[in-house]
Amino acid sequence: MPRASQDLFDHKNELKIEIKVLESSIREASEMIMQTDLVSMKRVMRRLDMCDKNDVPTLKGKVACGISTTNEIVLTEMIFAGEFTDLNPN
């Protein structure tokens, strides 16, 4: 291999290593952000009795997981508050 080609090959490998390091840094930063969000979400779920102190979902939490709407938590709160008990099934 001519020297110029070898230099280009070495430079390419250095860039690949640098890319891997940067990707790892980005992944770690993203995980830290998601972990902070997860802690906040778990706190809200505990306060609404959707999970216990060990973060195990309660019946209320399982109902919220099964609901597909724009705001599962609000609908779950309405169900457990009895908002729909007087509705006629017709």
PDB file of N, CA and C in Angstrom:
ATOM      1  N   MET A   1       0.843  -1.179   0.000  1.00  0.00           N
ATOM      2  CA  MET A   1       0.000   0.000   0.000  1.00  0.00           C
ATOM      3  C   MET A   1       0.889   1.242   0.000  1.00  0.00           C
ATOM      4  N   PRO A   2       0.597   2.196  -0.887  1.00  0.00           N
ATOM      5  CA  PRO A   2       1.364   3.449  -0.836  1.00  0.00           C
ATOM      6  C   PRO A   2       1.119   4.159   0.488  1.00  0.00           C
ATOM      7  N   ARG A   3       2.042   4.981   0.885  1.00  0.00           N
ATOM      8  CA  ARG A   3       1.989   5.661   2.187  1.00  0.00           C
ATOM      9  C   ARG A   3       0.736   6.529   2.340  1.00  0.00           C
ATOM     10  N   ALA A   4       0.344   7.239   1.278  1.00  0.00           N
ATOM     11  CA  ALA A   4      -0.847   8.100   1.353  1.00  0.00           C
ATOM     12  C   ALA A   4      -2.093   7.277   1.630  1.00  0.00           C
ATOM     13  N   SER A   5      -2.184   6.113   1.010  1.00  0.00           N
ATOM     14  CA  SER A   5      -3.336   5.238   1.238  1.00  0.00           C
ATOM     15  C   SER A   5      -3.348   4.726   2.669  1.00  0.00           C
ATOM     16  N   GLN A   6      -2.203   4.391   3.188  1.00  0.00           N
ATOM     17  CA  GLN A   6      -2.109   3.912   4.565  1.00  0.00           C
ATOM     18  C   GLN A   6      -2.510   5.013   5.544  1.00  0.00           C
ATOM     19  N   ASP A   7      -2.082   6.255   5.277  1.00  0.00           N
ATOM     20  CA  ASP A   7      -2.461   7.387   6.133  1.00  0.00           C
ATOM     21  C   ASP A   7      -3.970   7.604   6.119  1.00  0.00           C
ATOM     22  N   LEU A   8      -4.575   7.506   4.933  1.00  0.00           N
ATOM     23  CA  LEU A   8      -6.027   7.666   4.830  1.00  0.00           C
ATOM     24  C   LEU A   8      -6.752   6.548   5.581  1.00  0.00           C
ATOM     25  N   PHE A   9      -6.248   5.332   5.458  1.00  0.00           N
ATOM     26  CA  PHE A   9      -6.848   4.192   6.150  1.00  0.00           C
ATOM     27  C   PHE A   9      -6.765   4.369   7.662  1.00  0.00           C
ATOM     28  N   ASP A  10      -5.615   4.804   8.152  1.00  0.00           N
ATOM     29  CA  ASP A  10      -5.440   5.040   9.589  1.00  0.00           C
ATOM     30  C   ASP A  10      -6.359   6.150  10.079  1.00  0.00           C
ATOM     31  N   HIS A  11      -6.473   7.213   9.282  1.00  0.00           N
ATOM     32  CA  HIS A  11      -7.341   8.334   9.650  1.00  0.00           C
ATOM     33  C   HIS A  11      -8.809   7.874   9.706  1.00  0.00           C
ATOM     34  N   LYS A  12      -9.193   7.028   8.730  1.00  0.00           N
ATOM     35  CA  LYS A  12     -10.556   6.489   8.712  1.00  0.00           C
ATOM     36  C   LYS A  12     -10.831   5.684   9.987  1.00  0.00           C
ATOM     37  N   ASN A  13      -9.896   4.858  10.399  1.00  0.00           N
ATOM     38  CA  ASN A  13     -10.074   4.064  11.614  1.00  0.00           C
ATOM     39  C   ASN A  13     -10.148   4.941  12.857  1.00  0.00           C
ATOM     40  N   GLU A  14      -9.357   5.999  12.901  1.00  0.00           N
ATOM     41  CA  GLU A  14      -9.423   6.945  14.029  1.00  0.00           C
ATOM     42  C   GLU A  14     -10.793   7.606  14.089  1.00  0.00           C
ATOM     43  N   LEU A  15     -11.329   7.975  12.919  1.00  0.00           N
ATOM     44  CA  LEU A  15     -12.654   8.588  12.874  1.00  0.00           C
ATOM     45  C   LEU A  15     -13.744   7.609  13.320  1.00  0.00           C
ATOM     46  N   LYS A  16     -13.600   6.334  12.937  1.00  0.00           N
ATOM     47  CA  LYS A  16     -14.571   5.325  13.379  1.00  0.00           C
ATOM     48  C   LYS A  16     -14.571   5.197  14.901  1.00  0.00           C
ATOM     49  N   ILE A  17     -13.391   5.209  15.488  1.00  0.00           N
ATOM     50  CA  ILE A  17     -13.282   5.120  16.951  1.00  0.00           C
ATOM     51  C   ILE A  17     -13.910   6.353  17.597  1.00  0.00           C
ATOM     52  N   GLU A  18     -13.648   7.521  17.041  1.00  0.00           N
ATOM     53  CA  GLU A  18     -14.219   8.761  17.575  1.00  0.00           C
ATOM     54  C   GLU A  18     -15.740   8.752  17.465  1.00  0.00           C
ATOM     55  N   ILE A  19     -16.271   8.238  16.362  1.00  0.00           N
ATOM     56  CA  ILE A  19     -17.722   8.137  16.188  1.00  0.00           C
ATOM     57  C   ILE A  19     -18.318   7.233  17.256  1.00  0.00           C
ATOM     58  N   LYS A  20     -17.680   6.092  17.522  1.00  0.00           N
ATOM     59  CA  LYS A  20     -18.189   5.170  18.549  1.00  0.00           C
ATOM     60  C   LYS A  20     -18.190   5.818  19.926  1.00  0.00           C
ATOM     61  N   VAL A  21     -17.153   6.585  20.233  1.00  0.00           N
ATOM     62  CA  VAL A  21     -17.082   7.271  21.528  1.00  0.00           C
ATOM     63  C   VAL A  21     -18.201   8.311  21.631  1.00  0.00           C
ATOM     64  N   LEU A  22     -18.411   9.087  20.569  1.00  0.00           N
ATOM     65  CA  LEU A  22     -19.463  10.105  20.578  1.00  0.00           C
ATOM     66  C   LEU A  22     -20.852   9.474  20.666  1.00  0.00           C
ATOM     67  N   GLU A  23     -21.081   8.380  19.950  1.00  0.00           N
ATOM     68  CA  GLU A  23     -22.372   7.696  20.033  1.00  0.00           C
ATOM     69  C   GLU A  23     -22.632   7.192  21.441  1.00  0.00           C
ATOM     70  N   SER A  24     -21.596   6.681  22.081  1.00  0.00           N
ATOM     71  CA  SER A  24     -21.730   6.204  23.455  1.00  0.00           C
ATOM     72  C   SER A  24     -22.073   7.348  24.400  1.00  0.00           C
ATOM     73  N   SER A  25     -21.441   8.496  24.208  1.00  0.00           N
ATOM     74  CA  SER A  25     -21.724   9.667  25.043  1.00  0.00           C
ATOM     75  C   SER A  25     -23.162  10.134  24.863  1.00  0.00           C
ATOM     76  N   ILE A  26     -23.625  10.144  23.627  1.00  0.00           N
ATOM     77  CA  ILE A  26     -25.005  10.553  23.340  1.00  0.00           C
ATOM     78  C   ILE A  26     -25.981   9.584  23.991  1.00  0.00           C
ATOM     79  N   ARG A  27     -25.715   8.286  23.879  1.00  0.00           N
ATOM     80  CA  ARG A  27     -26.590   7.273  24.470  1.00  0.00           C
ATOM     81  C   ARG A  27     -26.665   7.430  25.992  1.00  0.00           C
ATOM     82  N   GLU A  28     -25.528   7.660  26.634  1.00  0.00           N
ATOM     83  CA  GLU A  28     -25.497   7.840  28.091  1.00  0.00           C
ATOM     84  C   GLU A  28     -26.276   9.078  28.513  1.00  0.00           C
ATOM     85  N   ALA A  29     -26.116  10.176  27.771  1.00  0.00           N
ATOM     86  CA  ALA A  29     -26.850  11.410  28.094  1.00  0.00           C
ATOM     87  C   ALA A  29     -28.347  11.200  27.927  1.00  0.00           C
ATOM     88  N   SER A  30     -28.732  10.498  26.881  1.00  0.00           N
ATOM     89  CA  SER A  30     -30.144  10.229  26.638  1.00  0.00           C
ATOM     90  C   SER A  30     -30.730   9.359  27.746  1.00  0.00           C
ATOM     91  N   GLU A  31     -29.982   8.361  28.187  1.00  0.00           N
ATOM     92  CA  GLU A  31     -30.448   7.491  29.270  1.00  0.00           C
ATOM     93  C   GLU A  31     -30.619   8.272  30.568  1.00  0.00           C
ATOM     94  N   MET A  32     -29.735   9.234  30.837  1.00  0.00           N
ATOM     95  CA  MET A  32     -29.857  10.050  32.047  1.00  0.00           C
ATOM     96  C   MET A  32     -31.127  10.882  32.001  1.00  0.00           C
ATOM     97  N   ILE A  33     -31.439  11.455  30.846  1.00  0.00           N
ATOM     98  CA  ILE A  33     -32.658  12.263  30.698  1.00  0.00           C
ATOM     99  C   ILE A  33     -33.884  11.382  30.885  1.00  0.00           C
ATOM    100  N   MET A  34     -33.886  10.206  30.250  1.00  0.00           N
ATOM    101  CA  MET A  34     -35.028   9.313  30.382  1.00  0.00           C
ATOM    102  C   MET A  34     -35.172   8.808  31.805  1.00  0.00           C
ATOM    103  N   GLN A  35     -34.061   8.596  32.497  1.00  0.00           N
ATOM    104  CA  GLN A  35     -34.127   8.115  33.872  1.00  0.00           C
ATOM    105  C   GLN A  35     -34.771   9.170  34.768  1.00  0.00           C
ATOM    106  N   THR A  36     -34.449  10.443  34.555  1.00  0.00           N
ATOM    107  CA  THR A  36     -35.057  11.530  35.317  1.00  0.00           C
ATOM    108  C   THR A  36     -36.557  11.572  35.066  1.00  0.00           C
ATOM    109  N   ASP A  37     -36.963  11.431  33.800  1.00  0.00           N
ATOM    110  CA  ASP A  37     -38.383  11.413  33.461  1.00  0.00           C
ATOM    111  C   ASP A  37     -39.081  10.220  34.107  1.00  0.00           C
ATOM    112  N   LEU A  38     -38.416   9.067  34.107  1.00  0.00           N
ATOM    113  CA  LEU A  38     -39.003   7.872  34.696  1.00  0.00           C
ATOM    114  C   LEU A  38     -39.239   8.051  36.189  1.00  0.00           C
ATOM    115  N   VAL A  39     -38.293   8.660  36.883  1.00  0.00           N
ATOM    116  CA  VAL A  39     -38.442   8.905  38.323  1.00  0.00           C
ATOM    117  C   VAL A  39     -39.662   9.792  38.569  1.00  0.00           C
ATOM    118  N   SER A  40     -39.838  10.815  37.757  1.00  0.00           N
ATOM    119  CA  SER A  40     -40.990  11.716  37.901  1.00  0.00           C
ATOM    120  C   SER A  40     -42.295  10.985  37.630  1.00  0.00           C
ATOM    121  N   MET A  41     -42.309  10.163  36.587  1.00  0.00           N
ATOM    122  CA  MET A  41     -43.532   9.411  36.257  1.00  0.00           C
ATOM    123  C   MET A  41     -43.897   8.442  37.374  1.00  0.00           C
ATOM    124  N   LYS A  42     -42.890   7.755  37.933  1.00  0.00           N
ATOM    125  CA  LYS A  42     -43.162   6.820  39.022  1.00  0.00           C
ATOM    126  C   LYS A  42     -43.688   7.549  40.250  1.00  0.00           C
ATOM    127  N   ARG A  43     -43.192   8.742  40.513  1.00  0.00           N
ATOM    128  CA  ARG A  43     -43.667   9.521  41.655  1.00  0.00           C
ATOM    129  C   ARG A  43     -45.153   9.864  41.490  1.00  0.00           C
ATOM    130  N   VAL A  44     -45.536  10.283  40.293  1.00  0.00           N
ATOM    131  CA  VAL A  44     -46.944  10.607  40.021  1.00  0.00           C
ATOM    132  C   VAL A  44     -47.802   9.358  40.187  1.00  0.00           C
ATOM    133  N   MET A  45     -47.336   8.237  39.653  1.00  0.00           N
ATOM    134  CA  MET A  45     -48.123   7.004  39.757  1.00  0.00           C
ATOM    135  C   MET A  45     -48.285   6.555  41.206  1.00  0.00           C
ATOM    136  N   ARG A  46     -47.247   6.726  42.027  1.00  0.00           N
ATOM    137  CA  ARG A  46     -47.371   6.371  43.448  1.00  0.00           C
ATOM    138  C   ARG A  46     -48.381   7.272  44.143  1.00  0.00           C
ATOM    139  N   ARG A  47     -48.335   8.562  43.856  1.00  0.00           N
ATOM    140  CA  ARG A  47     -49.263   9.507  44.501  1.00  0.00           C
ATOM    141  C   ARG A  47     -50.715   9.245  44.115  1.00  0.00           C
ATOM    142  N   LEU A  48     -50.926   8.712  42.924  1.00  0.00           N
ATOM    143  CA  LEU A  48     -52.288   8.403  42.475  1.00  0.00           C
ATOM    144  C   LEU A  48     -52.676   6.958  42.790  1.00  0.00           C
ATOM    145  N   ASP A  49     -51.874   6.279  43.592  1.00  0.00           N
ATOM    146  CA  ASP A  49     -52.117   4.879  43.977  1.00  0.00           C
ATOM    147  C   ASP A  49     -52.223   3.953  42.777  1.00  0.00           C
ATOM    148  N   MET A  50     -51.462   4.229  41.732  1.00  0.00           N
ATOM    149  CA  MET A  50     -51.435   3.354  40.566  1.00  0.00           C
ATOM    150  C   MET A  50     -50.330   2.308  40.697  1.00  0.00           C
ATOM    151  N   CYS A  51     -49.436   2.507  41.664  1.00  0.00           N
ATOM    152  CA  CYS A  51     -48.436   1.485  41.999  1.00  0.00           C
ATOM    153  C   CYS A  51     -48.113   1.634  43.482  1.00  0.00           C
ATOM    154  N   ASP A  52     -47.582   0.560  44.043  1.00  0.00           N
ATOM    155  CA  ASP A  52     -47.262   0.603  45.468  1.00  0.00           C
ATOM    156  C   ASP A  52     -45.841   1.132  45.676  1.00  0.00           C
ATOM    157  N   LYS A  53     -45.370   1.081  46.906  1.00  0.00           N
ATOM    158  CA  LYS A  53     -44.059   1.652  47.226  1.00  0.00           C
ATOM    159  C   LYS A  53     -42.916   0.910  46.549  1.00  0.00           C
ATOM    160  N   ASN A  54     -43.179  -0.328  46.090  1.00  0.00           N
ATOM    161  CA  ASN A  54     -42.174  -1.117  45.375  1.00  0.00           C
ATOM    162  C   ASN A  54     -42.322  -0.975  43.857  1.00  0.00           C
ATOM    163  N   ASP A  55     -43.144  -0.029  43.423  1.00  0.00           N
ATOM    164  CA  ASP A  55     -43.419   0.241  42.007  1.00  0.00           C
ATOM    165  C   ASP A  55     -44.105  -0.922  41.304  1.00  0.00           C
ATOM    166  N   VAL A  56     -44.853  -1.726  42.055  1.00  0.00           N
ATOM    167  CA  VAL A  56     -45.660  -2.793  41.473  1.00  0.00           C
ATOM    168  C   VAL A  56     -47.025  -2.200  41.151  1.00  0.00           C
ATOM    169  N   PRO A  57     -47.507  -2.364  39.906  1.00  0.00           N
ATOM    170  CA  PRO A  57     -48.799  -1.776  39.541  1.00  0.00           C
ATOM    171  C   PRO A  57     -49.941  -2.341  40.373  1.00  0.00           C
ATOM    172  N   THR A  58     -50.820  -1.460  40.812  1.00  0.00           N
ATOM    173  CA  THR A  58     -52.039  -1.860  41.508  1.00  0.00           C
ATOM    174  C   THR A  58     -53.117  -2.090  40.456  1.00  0.00           C
ATOM    175  N   LEU A  59     -54.313  -2.478  40.898  1.00  0.00           N
ATOM    176  CA  LEU A  59     -55.425  -2.654  39.961  1.00  0.00           C
ATOM    177  C   LEU A  59     -55.640  -1.368  39.168  1.00  0.00           C
ATOM    178  N   LYS A  60     -55.594  -0.248  39.872  1.00  0.00           N
ATOM    179  CA  LYS A  60     -55.785   1.048  39.226  1.00  0.00           C
ATOM    180  C   LYS A  60     -54.713   1.286  38.153  1.00  0.00           C
ATOM    181  N   GLY A  61     -53.484   0.920  38.441  1.00  0.00           N
ATOM    182  CA  GLY A  61     -52.401   1.075  37.477  1.00  0.00           C
ATOM    183  C   GLY A  61     -52.564   0.160  36.280  1.00  0.00           C
ATOM    184  N   LYS A  62     -53.051  -1.055  36.527  1.00  0.00           N
ATOM    185  CA  LYS A  62     -53.274  -1.997  35.434  1.00  0.00           C
ATOM    186  C   LYS A  62     -54.402  -1.517  34.528  1.00  0.00           C
ATOM    187  N   VAL A  63     -55.430  -0.917  35.121  1.00  0.00           N
ATOM    188  CA  VAL A  63     -56.518  -0.348  34.313  1.00  0.00           C
ATOM    189  C   VAL A  63     -55.974   0.780  33.447  1.00  0.00           C
ATOM    190  N   ALA A  64     -55.153   1.642  34.026  1.00  0.00           N
ATOM    191  CA  ALA A  64     -54.580   2.758  33.266  1.00  0.00           C
ATOM    192  C   ALA A  64     -53.733   2.243  32.100  1.00  0.00           C
ATOM    193  N   CYS A  65     -53.036   1.137  32.291  1.00  0.00           N
ATOM    194  CA  CYS A  65     -52.213   0.565  31.214  1.00  0.00           C
ATOM    195  C   CYS A  65     -53.079   0.034  30.079  1.00  0.00           C
ATOM    196  N   GLY A  66     -54.270  -0.429  30.411  1.00  0.00           N
ATOM    197  CA  GLY A  66     -55.151  -1.015  29.405  1.00  0.00           C
ATOM    198  C   GLY A  66     -55.975  -0.014  28.639  1.00  0.00           C
ATOM    199  N   ILE A  67     -55.936   1.235  29.045  1.00  0.00           N
ATOM    200  CA  ILE A  67     -56.739   2.266  28.390  1.00  0.00           C
ATOM    201  C   ILE A  67     -55.928   2.921  27.287  1.00  0.00           C
ATOM    202  N   SER A  68     -56.562   3.104  26.151  1.00  0.00           N
ATOM    203  CA  SER A  68     -55.904   3.777  25.037  1.00  0.00           C
ATOM    204  C   SER A  68     -56.685   5.048  24.705  1.00  0.00           C
ATOM    205  N   THR A  69     -56.224   6.144  25.213  1.00  0.00           N
ATOM    206  CA  THR A  69     -56.847   7.442  24.980  1.00  0.00           C
ATOM    207  C   THR A  69     -55.771   8.502  25.112  1.00  0.00           C
ATOM    208  N   THR A  70     -56.136   9.767  24.968  1.00  0.00           N
ATOM    209  CA  THR A  70     -55.125  10.814  25.064  1.00  0.00           C
ATOM    210  C   THR A  70     -54.651  11.032  26.492  1.00  0.00           C
ATOM    211  N   ASN A  71     -55.490  10.701  27.487  1.00  0.00           N
ATOM    212  CA  ASN A  71     -55.068  10.885  28.867  1.00  0.00           C
ATOM    213  C   ASN A  71     -55.573   9.732  29.727  1.00  0.00           C
ATOM    214  N   GLU A  72     -54.783   8.674  29.768  1.00  0.00           N
ATOM    215  CA  GLU A  72     -55.154   7.467  30.494  1.00  0.00           C
ATOM    216  C   GLU A  72     -55.334   7.718  31.983  1.00  0.00           C
ATOM    217  N   ILE A  73     -54.509   8.568  32.554  1.00  0.00           N
ATOM    218  CA  ILE A  73     -54.568   8.809  33.997  1.00  0.00           C
ATOM    219  C   ILE A  73     -55.874   9.500  34.383  1.00  0.00           C
ATOM    220  N   VAL A  74     -56.289  10.503  33.627  1.00  0.00           N
ATOM    221  CA  VAL A  74     -57.538  11.208  33.939  1.00  0.00           C
ATOM    222  C   VAL A  74     -58.721  10.256  33.818  1.00  0.00           C
ATOM    223  N   LEU A  75     -58.768   9.459  32.747  1.00  0.00           N
ATOM    224  CA  LEU A  75     -59.874   8.521  32.579  1.00  0.00           C
ATOM    225  C   LEU A  75     -59.893   7.481  33.695  1.00  0.00           C
ATOM    226  N   THR A  76     -58.734   6.986  34.093  1.00  0.00           N
ATOM    227  CA  THR A  76     -58.672   6.024  35.195  1.00  0.00           C
ATOM    228  C   THR A  76     -59.180   6.644  36.494  1.00  0.00           C
ATOM    229  N   GLU A  77     -58.788   7.876  36.764  1.00  0.00           N
ATOM    230  CA  GLU A  77     -59.278   8.569  37.960  1.00  0.00           C
ATOM    231  C   GLU A  77     -60.797   8.709  37.913  1.00  0.00           C
ATOM    232  N   MET A  78     -61.345   9.011  36.740  1.00  0.00           N
ATOM    233  CA  MET A  78     -62.804   9.133  36.610  1.00  0.00           C
ATOM    234  C   MET A  78     -63.486   7.792  36.851  1.00  0.00           C
ATOM    235  N   ILE A  79     -62.913   6.699  36.333  1.00  0.00           N
ATOM    236  CA  ILE A  79     -63.503   5.373  36.531  1.00  0.00           C
ATOM    237  C   ILE A  79     -63.523   5.023  38.010  1.00  0.00           C
ATOM    238  N   PHE A  80     -62.398   5.216  38.700  1.00  0.00           N
ATOM    239  CA  PHE A  80     -62.313   4.847  40.110  1.00  0.00           C
ATOM    240  C   PHE A  80     -63.048   5.823  41.020  1.00  0.00           C
ATOM    241  N   ALA A  81     -63.385   7.003  40.532  1.00  0.00           N
ATOM    242  CA  ALA A  81     -64.182   7.952  41.312  1.00  0.00           C
ATOM    243  C   ALA A  81     -65.676   7.691  41.125  1.00  0.00           C
ATOM    244  N   GLY A  82     -66.015   6.754  40.238  1.00  0.00           N
ATOM    245  CA  GLY A  82     -67.420   6.399  40.039  1.00  0.00           C
ATOM    246  C   GLY A  82     -68.169   7.344  39.116  1.00  0.00           C
ATOM    247  N   GLU A  83     -67.497   8.067  38.287  1.00  0.00           N
ATOM    248  CA  GLU A  83     -68.133   9.028  37.388  1.00  0.00           C
ATOM    249  C   GLU A  83     -69.059   8.372  36.371  1.00  0.00           C
ATOM    250  N   PHE A  84     -68.859   7.096  36.072  1.00  0.00           N
ATOM    251  CA  PHE A  84     -69.636   6.446  35.022  1.00  0.00           C
ATOM    252  C   PHE A  84     -70.670   5.476  35.569  1.00  0.00           C
ATOM    253  N   THR A  85     -70.861   5.401  36.875  1.00  0.00           N
ATOM    254  CA  THR A  85     -71.776   4.428  37.454  1.00  0.00           C
ATOM    255  C   THR A  85     -73.239   4.726  37.142  1.00  0.00           C
ATOM    256  N   ASP A  86     -73.582   5.981  36.973  1.00  0.00           N
ATOM    257  CA  ASP A  86     -74.976   6.349  36.703  1.00  0.00           C
ATOM    258  C   ASP A  86     -75.323   6.346  35.222  1.00  0.00           C
ATOM    259  N   LEU A  87     -74.400   6.001  34.381  1.00  0.00           N
ATOM    260  CA  LEU A  87     -74.671   6.006  32.931  1.00  0.00           C
ATOM    261  C   LEU A  87     -75.534   4.820  32.533  1.00  0.00           C
ATOM    262  N   ASN A  88     -76.407   5.055  31.601  1.00  0.00           N
ATOM    263  CA  ASN A  88     -77.270   4.023  31.062  1.00  0.00           C
ATOM    264  C   ASN A  88     -76.531   3.321  29.920  1.00  0.00           C
ATOM    265  N   PRO A  89     -76.477   1.986  29.878  1.00  0.00           N
ATOM    266  CA  PRO A  89     -75.708   1.308  28.848  1.00  0.00           C
ATOM    267  C   PRO A  89     -76.256   1.479  27.441  1.00  0.00           C
ATOM    268  N   ASN A  90     -77.421   2.056  27.297  1.00  0.00           N
ATOM    269  CA  ASN A  90     -78.002   2.241  25.965  1.00  0.00           C
ATOM    270  C   ASN A  90     -77.356   3.391  25.361  1.00  0.00           C
TER     271      ASN A  90
END
